[in-house]
Structure formats: structure tokens, C-alpha cells
PDB file of N, CA and C in Angstrom:
ATOM      1  N   MET A   1       0.831  -1.172   0.000  1.00  0.00           N
ATOM      2  CA  MET A   1       0.000   0.000   0.000  1.00  0.00           C
ATOM      3  C   MET A   1       0.880   1.241   0.000  1.00  0.00           C
ATOM      4  N   LYS A   2       0.292   2.327  -0.470  1.00  0.00           N
ATOM      5  CA  LYS A   2       1.020   3.580  -0.621  1.00  0.00           C
ATOM      6  C   LYS A   2       0.235   4.712   0.037  1.00  0.00           C
ATOM      7  N   LEU A   3       0.954   5.735   0.513  1.00  0.00           N
ATOM      8  CA  LEU A   3       0.313   6.905   1.104  1.00  0.00           C
ATOM      9  C   LEU A   3       0.046   7.955   0.043  1.00  0.00           C
ATOM     10  N   GLY A   4      -1.019   8.711   0.236  1.00  0.00           N
ATOM     11  CA  GLY A   4      -1.322   9.798  -0.677  1.00  0.00           C
ATOM     12  C   GLY A   4      -2.257  10.797  -0.041  1.00  0.00           C
ATOM     13  N   LYS A   5      -2.436  11.914  -0.725  1.00  0.00           N
ATOM     14  CA  LYS A   5      -3.372  12.941  -0.277  1.00  0.00           C
ATOM     15  C   LYS A   5      -4.327  13.214  -1.425  1.00  0.00           C
ATOM     16  N   VAL A   6      -5.618  13.242  -1.121  1.00  0.00           N
ATOM     17  CA  VAL A   6      -6.626  13.536  -2.132  1.00  0.00           C
ATOM     18  C   VAL A   6      -6.573  15.032  -2.420  1.00  0.00           C
ATOM     19  N   THR A   7      -6.331  15.376  -3.691  1.00  0.00           N
ATOM     20  CA  THR A   7      -6.173  16.778  -4.065  1.00  0.00           C
ATOM     21  C   THR A   7      -7.311  17.304  -4.930  1.00  0.00           C
ATOM     22  N   GLY A   8      -8.179  16.430  -5.397  1.00  0.00           N
ATOM     23  CA  GLY A   8      -9.276  16.889  -6.243  1.00  0.00           C
ATOM     24  C   GLY A   8     -10.154  15.739  -6.682  1.00  0.00           C
ATOM     25  N   ARG A   9     -11.118  16.078  -7.515  1.00  0.00           N
ATOM     26  CA  ARG A   9     -12.083  15.095  -7.990  1.00  0.00           C
ATOM     27  C   ARG A   9     -12.137  15.138  -9.514  1.00  0.00           C
ATOM     28  N   VAL A  10     -12.370  13.998 -10.131  1.00  0.00           N
ATOM     29  CA  VAL A  10     -12.520  13.898 -11.580  1.00  0.00           C
ATOM     30  C   VAL A  10     -13.979  13.561 -11.873  1.00  0.00           C
ATOM     31  N   VAL A  11     -14.583  14.275 -12.805  1.00  0.00           N
ATOM     32  CA  VAL A  11     -15.968  14.013 -13.192  1.00  0.00           C
ATOM     33  C   VAL A  11     -15.966  13.396 -14.580  1.00  0.00           C
ATOM     34  N   SER A  12     -16.614  12.248 -14.700  1.00  0.00           N
ATOM     35  CA  SER A  12     -16.696  11.551 -15.977  1.00  0.00           C
ATOM     36  C   SER A  12     -18.140  11.105 -16.184  1.00  0.00           C
ATOM     37  N   THR A  13     -18.772  11.599 -17.233  1.00  0.00           N
ATOM     38  CA  THR A  13     -20.174  11.261 -17.461  1.00  0.00           C
ATOM     39  C   THR A  13     -20.347   9.931 -18.188  1.00  0.00           C
ATOM     40  N   ILE A  14     -19.327   9.516 -18.927  1.00  0.00           N
ATOM     41  CA  ILE A  14     -19.406   8.247 -19.650  1.00  0.00           C
ATOM     42  C   ILE A  14     -18.248   7.376 -19.194  1.00  0.00           C
ATOM     43  N   LYS A  15     -18.568   6.163 -18.702  1.00  0.00           N
ATOM     44  CA  LYS A  15     -17.557   5.241 -18.184  1.00  0.00           C
ATOM     45  C   LYS A  15     -17.870   3.830 -18.651  1.00  0.00           C
ATOM     46  N   VAL A  16     -16.903   2.941 -18.501  1.00  0.00           N
ATOM     47  CA  VAL A  16     -17.193   1.527 -18.747  1.00  0.00           C
ATOM     48  C   VAL A  16     -18.183   1.077 -17.679  1.00  0.00           C
ATOM     49  N   PRO A  17     -19.023   0.099 -17.962  1.00  0.00           N
ATOM     50  CA  PRO A  17     -20.065  -0.313 -17.018  1.00  0.00           C
ATOM     51  C   PRO A  17     -19.565  -0.682 -15.620  1.00  0.00           C
ATOM     52  N   SER A  18     -18.382  -1.264 -15.495  1.00  0.00           N
ATOM     53  CA  SER A  18     -17.897  -1.673 -14.171  1.00  0.00           C
ATOM     54  C   SER A  18     -17.530  -0.482 -13.292  1.00  0.00           C
ATOM     55  N   PHE A  19     -17.446   0.726 -13.871  1.00  0.00           N
ATOM     56  CA  PHE A  19     -17.093   1.928 -13.108  1.00  0.00           C
ATOM     57  C   PHE A  19     -18.301   2.779 -12.738  1.00  0.00           C
ATOM     58  N   GLU A  20     -19.494   2.389 -13.158  1.00  0.00           N
ATOM     59  CA  GLU A  20     -20.694   3.180 -12.867  1.00  0.00           C
ATOM     60  C   GLU A  20     -20.893   3.328 -11.368  1.00  0.00           C
ATOM     61  N   GLY A  21     -21.158   4.565 -10.938  1.00  0.00           N
ATOM     62  CA  GLY A  21     -21.439   4.848  -9.535  1.00  0.00           C
ATOM     63  C   GLY A  21     -20.220   4.981  -8.646  1.00  0.00           C
ATOM     64  N   ILE A  22     -19.024   4.947  -9.209  1.00  0.00           N
ATOM     65  CA  ILE A  22     -17.798   5.028  -8.415  1.00  0.00           C
ATOM     66  C   ILE A  22     -17.137   6.380  -8.646  1.00  0.00           C
ATOM     67  N   LYS A  23     -16.749   7.054  -7.551  1.00  0.00           N
ATOM     68  CA  LYS A  23     -16.084   8.350  -7.645  1.00  0.00           C
ATOM     69  C   LYS A  23     -14.635   8.172  -8.094  1.00  0.00           C
ATOM     70  N   LEU A  24     -14.160   9.151  -8.839  1.00  0.00           N
ATOM     71  CA  LEU A  24     -12.763   9.207  -9.255  1.00  0.00           C
ATOM     72  C   LEU A  24     -12.124  10.406  -8.565  1.00  0.00           C
ATOM     73  N   MET A  25     -11.001  10.187  -7.889  1.00  0.00           N
ATOM     74  CA  MET A  25     -10.325  11.248  -7.146  1.00  0.00           C
ATOM     75  C   MET A  25      -8.890  11.411  -7.638  1.00  0.00           C
ATOM     76  N   LEU A  26      -8.369  12.638  -7.547  1.00  0.00           N
ATOM     77  CA  LEU A  26      -6.968  12.901  -7.834  1.00  0.00           C
ATOM     78  C   LEU A  26      -6.180  12.673  -6.551  1.00  0.00           C
ATOM     79  N   VAL A  27      -5.094  11.916  -6.651  1.00  0.00           N
ATOM     80  CA  VAL A  27      -4.280  11.572  -5.483  1.00  0.00           C
ATOM     81  C   VAL A  27      -2.821  11.937  -5.749  1.00  0.00           C
ATOM     82  N   GLN A  28      -2.232  12.693  -4.815  1.00  0.00           N
ATOM     83  CA  GLN A  28      -0.812  13.017  -4.866  1.00  0.00           C
ATOM     84  C   GLN A  28      -0.074  12.006  -4.000  1.00  0.00           C
ATOM     85  N   PRO A  29       0.799  11.171  -4.577  1.00  0.00           N
ATOM     86  CA  PRO A  29       1.578  10.226  -3.766  1.00  0.00           C
ATOM     87  C   PRO A  29       2.469  10.967  -2.764  1.00  0.00           C
ATOM     88  N   LEU A  30       2.631  10.374  -1.568  1.00  0.00           N
ATOM     89  CA  LEU A  30       3.453  10.943  -0.503  1.00  0.00           C
ATOM     90  C   LEU A  30       4.425   9.891   0.002  1.00  0.00           C
ATOM     91  N   ASP A  31       5.602  10.340   0.474  1.00  0.00           N
ATOM     92  CA  ASP A  31       6.520   9.397   1.107  1.00  0.00           C
ATOM     93  C   ASP A  31       6.167   9.280   2.595  1.00  0.00           C
ATOM     94  N   GLU A  32       6.971   8.536   3.353  1.00  0.00           N
ATOM     95  CA  GLU A  32       6.663   8.296   4.767  1.00  0.00           C
ATOM     96  C   GLU A  32       6.749   9.554   5.624  1.00  0.00           C
ATOM     97  N   ARG A  33       7.370  10.598   5.105  1.00  0.00           N
ATOM     98  CA  ARG A  33       7.455  11.895   5.815  1.00  0.00           C
ATOM     99  C   ARG A  33       6.380  12.867   5.310  1.00  0.00           C
ATOM    100  N   LEU A  34       5.472  12.340   4.491  1.00  0.00           N
ATOM    101  CA  LEU A  34       4.362  13.098   3.904  1.00  0.00           C
ATOM    102  C   LEU A  34       4.824  14.164   2.922  1.00  0.00           C
ATOM    103  N   VAL A  35       5.976  13.914   2.281  1.00  0.00           N
ATOM    104  CA  VAL A  35       6.502  14.802   1.246  1.00  0.00           C
ATOM    105  C   VAL A  35       6.010  14.292  -0.111  1.00  0.00           C
ATOM    106  N   PRO A  36       5.388  15.163  -0.919  1.00  0.00           N
ATOM    107  CA  PRO A  36       4.908  14.739  -2.236  1.00  0.00           C
ATOM    108  C   PRO A  36       6.045  14.261  -3.141  1.00  0.00           C
ATOM    109  N   TYR A  37       5.761  13.229  -3.933  1.00  0.00           N
ATOM    110  CA  TYR A  37       6.703  12.762  -4.953  1.00  0.00           C
ATOM    111  C   TYR A  37       5.912  12.259  -6.147  1.00  0.00           C
ATOM    112  N   GLY A  38       6.536  12.207  -7.280  1.00  0.00           N
ATOM    113  CA  GLY A  38       5.882  11.683  -8.476  1.00  0.00           C
ATOM    114  C   GLY A  38       4.748  12.571  -8.965  1.00  0.00           C
ATOM    115  N   VAL A  39       3.975  12.019  -9.872  1.00  0.00           N
ATOM    116  CA  VAL A  39       2.870  12.752 -10.484  1.00  0.00           C
ATOM    117  C   VAL A  39       1.548  12.383  -9.823  1.00  0.00           C
ATOM    118  N   THR A  40       0.597  13.289  -9.906  1.00  0.00           N
ATOM    119  CA  THR A  40      -0.747  13.032  -9.394  1.00  0.00           C
ATOM    120  C   THR A  40      -1.396  11.942 -10.239  1.00  0.00           C
ATOM    121  N   ILE A  41      -2.133  11.047  -9.576  1.00  0.00           N
ATOM    122  CA  ILE A  41      -2.802   9.945 -10.274  1.00  0.00           C
ATOM    123  C   ILE A  41      -4.311  10.037 -10.051  1.00  0.00           C
ATOM    124  N   VAL A  42      -5.065   9.306 -10.848  1.00  0.00           N
ATOM    125  CA  VAL A  42      -6.509   9.176 -10.665  1.00  0.00           C
ATOM    126  C   VAL A  42      -6.752   7.828 -10.013  1.00  0.00           C
ATOM    127  N   ALA A  43      -7.545   7.837  -8.928  1.00  0.00           N
ATOM    128  CA  ALA A  43      -7.836   6.594  -8.212  1.00  0.00           C
ATOM    129  C   ALA A  43      -9.326   6.484  -7.936  1.00  0.00           C
ATOM    130  N   PHE A  44      -9.818   5.264  -7.918  1.00  0.00           N
ATOM    131  CA  PHE A  44     -11.209   5.010  -7.563  1.00  0.00           C
ATOM    132  C   PHE A  44     -11.380   5.165  -6.072  1.00  0.00           C
ATOM    133  N   ASP A  45     -12.510   5.720  -5.678  1.00  0.00           N
ATOM    134  CA  ASP A  45     -12.795   5.932  -4.266  1.00  0.00           C
ATOM    135  C   ASP A  45     -14.081   5.201  -3.903  1.00  0.00           C
ATOM    136  N   THR A  46     -13.944   4.102  -3.210  1.00  0.00           N
ATOM    137  CA  THR A  46     -15.119   3.351  -2.755  1.00  0.00           C
ATOM    138  C   THR A  46     -15.350   3.528  -1.264  1.00  0.00           C
ATOM    139  N   ILE A  47     -14.554   4.397  -0.607  1.00  0.00           N
ATOM    140  CA  ILE A  47     -14.675   4.569   0.847  1.00  0.00           C
ATOM    141  C   ILE A  47     -15.110   5.971   1.249  1.00  0.00           C
ATOM    142  N   GLN A  48     -15.467   6.809   0.268  1.00  0.00           N
ATOM    143  CA  GLN A  48     -15.967   8.168   0.524  1.00  0.00           C
ATOM    144  C   GLN A  48     -14.900   9.108   1.090  1.00  0.00           C
ATOM    145  N   ALA A  49     -13.692   9.053   0.565  1.00  0.00           N
ATOM    146  CA  ALA A  49     -12.638  10.004   0.943  1.00  0.00           C
ATOM    147  C   ALA A  49     -12.987  11.372   0.359  1.00  0.00           C
ATOM    148  N   GLY A  50     -12.444  12.406   0.961  1.00  0.00           N
ATOM    149  CA  GLY A  50     -12.702  13.754   0.477  1.00  0.00           C
ATOM    150  C   GLY A  50     -11.407  14.484   0.176  1.00  0.00           C
ATOM    151  N   VAL A  51     -11.528  15.614  -0.498  1.00  0.00           N
ATOM    152  CA  VAL A  51     -10.367  16.426  -0.826  1.00  0.00           C
ATOM    153  C   VAL A  51      -9.683  16.847   0.477  1.00  0.00           C
ATOM    154  N   GLY A  52      -8.362  16.674   0.533  1.00  0.00           N
ATOM    155  CA  GLY A  52      -7.579  17.002   1.714  1.00  0.00           C
ATOM    156  C   GLY A  52      -7.306  15.813   2.619  1.00  0.00           C
ATOM    157  N   ASP A  53      -8.012  14.688   2.425  1.00  0.00           N
ATOM    158  CA  ASP A  53      -7.810  13.508   3.263  1.00  0.00           C
ATOM    159  C   ASP A  53      -6.466  12.846   2.983  1.00  0.00           C
ATOM    160  N   LEU A  54      -5.821  12.382   4.047  1.00  0.00           N
ATOM    161  CA  LEU A  54      -4.628  11.541   3.940  1.00  0.00           C
ATOM    162  C   LEU A  54      -5.146  10.118   3.801  1.00  0.00           C
ATOM    163  N   ILE A  55      -4.737   9.441   2.755  1.00  0.00           N
ATOM    164  CA  ILE A  55      -5.294   8.112   2.454  1.00  0.00           C
ATOM    165  C   ILE A  55      -4.168   7.127   2.175  1.00  0.00           C
ATOM    166  N   TYR A  56      -4.541   5.845   2.097  1.00  0.00           N
ATOM    167  CA  TYR A  56      -3.634   4.870   1.528  1.00  0.00           C
ATOM    168  C   TYR A  56      -4.357   4.223   0.366  1.00  0.00           C
ATOM    169  N   TYR A  57      -3.572   3.872  -0.641  1.00  0.00           N
ATOM    170  CA  TYR A  57      -4.149   3.362  -1.880  1.00  0.00           C
ATOM    171  C   TYR A  57      -3.321   2.191  -2.388  1.00  0.00           C
ATOM    172  N   GLU A  58      -3.918   1.477  -3.308  1.00  0.00           N
ATOM    173  CA  GLU A  58      -3.258   0.329  -3.924  1.00  0.00           C
ATOM    174  C   GLU A  58      -3.272   0.538  -5.429  1.00  0.00           C
ATOM    175  N   THR A  59      -2.272  -0.001  -6.094  1.00  0.00           N
ATOM    176  CA  THR A  59      -2.182   0.112  -7.547  1.00  0.00           C
ATOM    177  C   THR A  59      -2.085  -1.268  -8.168  1.00  0.00           C
ATOM    178  N   SER A  60      -2.134  -1.299  -9.478  1.00  0.00           N
ATOM    179  CA  SER A  60      -1.947  -2.511 -10.253  1.00  0.00           C
ATOM    180  C   SER A  60      -3.124  -3.469 -10.089  1.00  0.00           C
ATOM    181  N   LYS A  61      -2.846  -4.753 -10.211  1.00  0.00           N
ATOM    182  CA  LYS A  61      -3.894  -5.771 -10.160  1.00  0.00           C
ATOM    183  C   LYS A  61      -4.683  -5.722  -8.855  1.00  0.00           C
ATOM    184  N   GLU A  62      -4.007  -5.412  -7.758  1.00  0.00           N
ATOM    185  CA  GLU A  62      -4.662  -5.369  -6.456  1.00  0.00           C
ATOM    186  C   GLU A  62      -5.741  -4.288  -6.398  1.00  0.00           C
ATOM    187  N   ALA A  63      -5.540  -3.188  -7.103  1.00  0.00           N
ATOM    188  CA  ALA A  63      -6.525  -2.105  -7.116  1.00  0.00           C
ATOM    189  C   ALA A  63      -7.845  -2.572  -7.729  1.00  0.00           C
ATOM    190  N   GLY A  64      -7.781  -3.375  -8.749  1.00  0.00           N
ATOM    191  CA  GLY A  64      -8.984  -3.868  -9.409  1.00  0.00           C
ATOM    192  C   GLY A  64      -9.830  -4.769  -8.545  1.00  0.00           C
ATOM    193  N   ARG A  65      -9.259  -5.333  -7.515  1.00  0.00           N
ATOM    194  CA  ARG A  65     -10.001  -6.231  -6.628  1.00  0.00           C
ATOM    195  C   ARG A  65     -10.947  -5.487  -5.699  1.00  0.00           C
ATOM    196  N   VAL A  66     -10.848  -4.167  -5.643  1.00  0.00           N
ATOM    197  CA  VAL A  66     -11.736  -3.359  -4.812  1.00  0.00           C
ATOM    198  C   VAL A  66     -13.154  -3.358  -5.392  1.00  0.00           C
ATOM    199  N   LEU A  67     -13.257  -3.463  -6.705  1.00  0.00           N
ATOM    200  CA  LEU A  67     -14.555  -3.430  -7.369  1.00  0.00           C
ATOM    201  C   LEU A  67     -15.188  -4.813  -7.420  1.00  0.00           C
ATOM    202  N   GLU A  68     -16.515  -4.835  -7.527  1.00  0.00           N
ATOM    203  CA  GLU A  68     -17.236  -6.115  -7.574  1.00  0.00           C
ATOM    204  C   GLU A  68     -16.832  -6.947  -8.784  1.00  0.00           C
ATOM    205  N   THR A  69     -16.710  -6.304  -9.935  1.00  0.00           N
ATOM    206  CA  THR A  69     -16.285  -7.023 -11.133  1.00  0.00           C
ATOM    207  C   THR A  69     -14.761  -7.002 -11.171  1.00  0.00           C
ATOM    208  N   THR A  70     -14.150  -8.147 -10.937  1.00  0.00           N
ATOM    209  CA  THR A  70     -12.693  -8.202 -10.826  1.00  0.00           C
ATOM    210  C   THR A  70     -11.986  -8.000 -12.159  1.00  0.00           C
ATOM    211  N   MET A  71     -12.663  -8.227 -13.259  1.00  0.00           N
ATOM    212  CA  MET A  71     -12.058  -7.994 -14.578  1.00  0.00           C
ATOM    213  C   MET A  71     -12.406  -6.574 -15.011  1.00  0.00           C
ATOM    214  N   ASN A  72     -11.577  -5.605 -14.605  1.00  0.00           N
ATOM    215  CA  ASN A  72     -11.815  -4.212 -14.937  1.00  0.00           C
ATOM    216  C   ASN A  72     -10.471  -3.518 -15.162  1.00  0.00           C
ATOM    217  N   PRO A  73     -10.481  -2.355 -15.819  1.00  0.00           N
ATOM    218  CA  PRO A  73      -9.231  -1.663 -16.115  1.00  0.00           C
ATOM    219  C   PRO A  73      -8.778  -0.688 -15.027  1.00  0.00           C
ATOM    220  N   CYS A  74      -9.037  -0.982 -13.769  1.00  0.00           N
ATOM    221  CA  CYS A  74      -8.662  -0.102 -12.661  1.00  0.00           C
ATOM    222  C   CYS A  74      -7.155  -0.148 -12.410  1.00  0.00           C
ATOM    223  N   ASP A  75      -6.516   1.029 -12.343  1.00  0.00           N
ATOM    224  CA  ASP A  75      -5.077   1.122 -12.081  1.00  0.00           C
ATOM    225  C   ASP A  75      -4.749   1.510 -10.649  1.00  0.00           C
ATOM    226  N   ALA A  76      -5.662   2.240  -9.984  1.00  0.00           N
ATOM    227  CA  ALA A  76      -5.415   2.679  -8.609  1.00  0.00           C
ATOM    228  C   ALA A  76      -6.742   2.806  -7.872  1.00  0.00           C
ATOM    229  N   ALA A  77      -6.736   2.439  -6.599  1.00  0.00           N
ATOM    230  CA  ALA A  77      -7.949   2.509  -5.788  1.00  0.00           C
ATOM    231  C   ALA A  77      -7.604   2.936  -4.365  1.00  0.00           C
ATOM    232  N   ILE A  78      -8.384   3.871  -3.835  1.00  0.00           N
ATOM    233  CA  ILE A  78      -8.234   4.287  -2.448  1.00  0.00           C
ATOM    234  C   ILE A  78      -8.843   3.196  -1.581  1.00  0.00           C
ATOM    235  N   VAL A  79      -8.082   2.706  -0.609  1.00  0.00           N
ATOM    236  CA  VAL A  79      -8.575   1.601   0.222  1.00  0.00           C
ATOM    237  C   VAL A  79      -8.723   1.965   1.694  1.00  0.00           C
ATOM    238  N   GLY A  80      -8.272   3.161   2.104  1.00  0.00           N
ATOM    239  CA  GLY A  80      -8.432   3.552   3.496  1.00  0.00           C
ATOM    240  C   GLY A  80      -8.082   5.006   3.730  1.00  0.00           C
ATOM    241  N   ILE A  81      -8.643   5.554   4.815  1.00  0.00           N
ATOM    242  CA  ILE A  81      -8.325   6.909   5.256  1.00  0.00           C
ATOM    243  C   ILE A  81      -7.443   6.789   6.485  1.00  0.00           C
ATOM    244  N   VAL A  82      -6.333   7.539   6.511  1.00  0.00           N
ATOM    245  CA  VAL A  82      -5.389   7.486   7.620  1.00  0.00           C
ATOM    246  C   VAL A  82      -5.906   8.395   8.730  1.00  0.00           C
ATOM    247  N   ASP A  83      -6.116   7.825   9.924  1.00  0.00           N
ATOM    248  CA  ASP A  83      -6.541   8.603  11.090  1.00  0.00           C
ATOM    249  C   ASP A  83      -5.351   9.141  11.858  1.00  0.00           C
ATOM    250  N   ALA A  84      -4.300   8.343  11.962  1.00  0.00           N
ATOM    251  CA  ALA A  84      -3.082   8.751  12.676  1.00  0.00           C
ATOM    252  C   ALA A  84      -1.916   7.981  12.075  1.00  0.00           C
ATOM    253  N   MET A  85      -0.717   8.565  12.218  1.00  0.00           N
ATOM    254  CA  MET A  85       0.454   7.929  11.660  1.00  0.00           C
ATOM    255  C   MET A  85       1.655   8.234  12.557  1.00  0.00           C
ATOM    256  N   GLU A  86       2.476   7.234  12.792  1.00  0.00           N
ATOM    257  CA  GLU A  86       3.679   7.417  13.602  1.00  0.00           C
ATOM    258  C   GLU A  86       4.854   6.820  12.841  1.00  0.00           C
ATOM    259  N   VAL A  87       5.912   7.605  12.661  1.00  0.00           N
ATOM    260  CA  VAL A  87       7.096   7.142  11.951  1.00  0.00           C
ATOM    261  C   VAL A  87       8.239   7.071  12.927  1.00  0.00           C
ATOM    262  N   GLU A  88       8.858   5.913  13.022  1.00  0.00           N
ATOM    263  CA  GLU A  88       9.988   5.729  13.945  1.00  0.00           C
ATOM    264  C   GLU A  88      11.107   6.702  13.600  1.00  0.00           C
ATOM    265  N   GLY A  89      11.616   7.385  14.607  1.00  0.00           N
ATOM    266  CA  GLY A  89      12.724   8.308  14.403  1.00  0.00           C
ATOM    267  C   GLY A  89      12.292   9.697  13.977  1.00  0.00           C
ATOM    268  N   ALA A  90      10.995   9.906  13.758  1.00  0.00           N
ATOM    269  CA  ALA A  90      10.523  11.243  13.355  1.00  0.00           C
ATOM    270  C   ALA A  90      10.300  12.106  14.579  1.00  0.00           C
ATOM    271  N   LYS A  91      10.500  13.399  14.414  1.00  0.00           N
ATOM    272  CA  LYS A  91      10.281  14.337  15.516  1.00  0.00           C
ATOM    273  C   LYS A  91       8.917  14.952  15.445  1.00  0.00           C
TER     274      LYS A  91
END
């Protein structure tokens, strides 16, 4: 799993049938110190995350397992909202 921050929402009126009713969110990947890295990605949100939330997400084949239809073209999915985080050695 990877850490990220929800930075926005994507609106799509036409989708493949397996994506109907699922929100698409923009996610900025973060490292363990919550420093942004890489490019912003689009991820499926089945847990009702909101803009500004610290989340964890999954990519690749594992992301597609979040949806009911396992044969889908999902590349990233938000799987949880982070309530608290502690990093060893951090001040």
C-alpha cells in the first residue's frame, strides 16, 4: 500500500459499465514523511474520501479487486483513510 493525499475530484459522465457509480479522485503520492513525490494519479474511491484527506491506496492488479467485477481496467484505488500515523525516528 502507498500513502497519498486527495487533491481533487474527476468528473466523468461516460464510463465503462464496471465503473458506474464510483467516484474518481486525484491523489498526490506521498513518502513516509508526507513529502509529495511523483505525479498526481486518478484513483477510484469506494470509501468516501474527500479532498484534503490523507489516504492509503493500492495500484496494479490489487486495485482492481476493490470493485465487484474483478475484470476491470482499474489502475489505482483508495482503500483507506489514515486517522493517525507514527514514523519511527521522526520528531
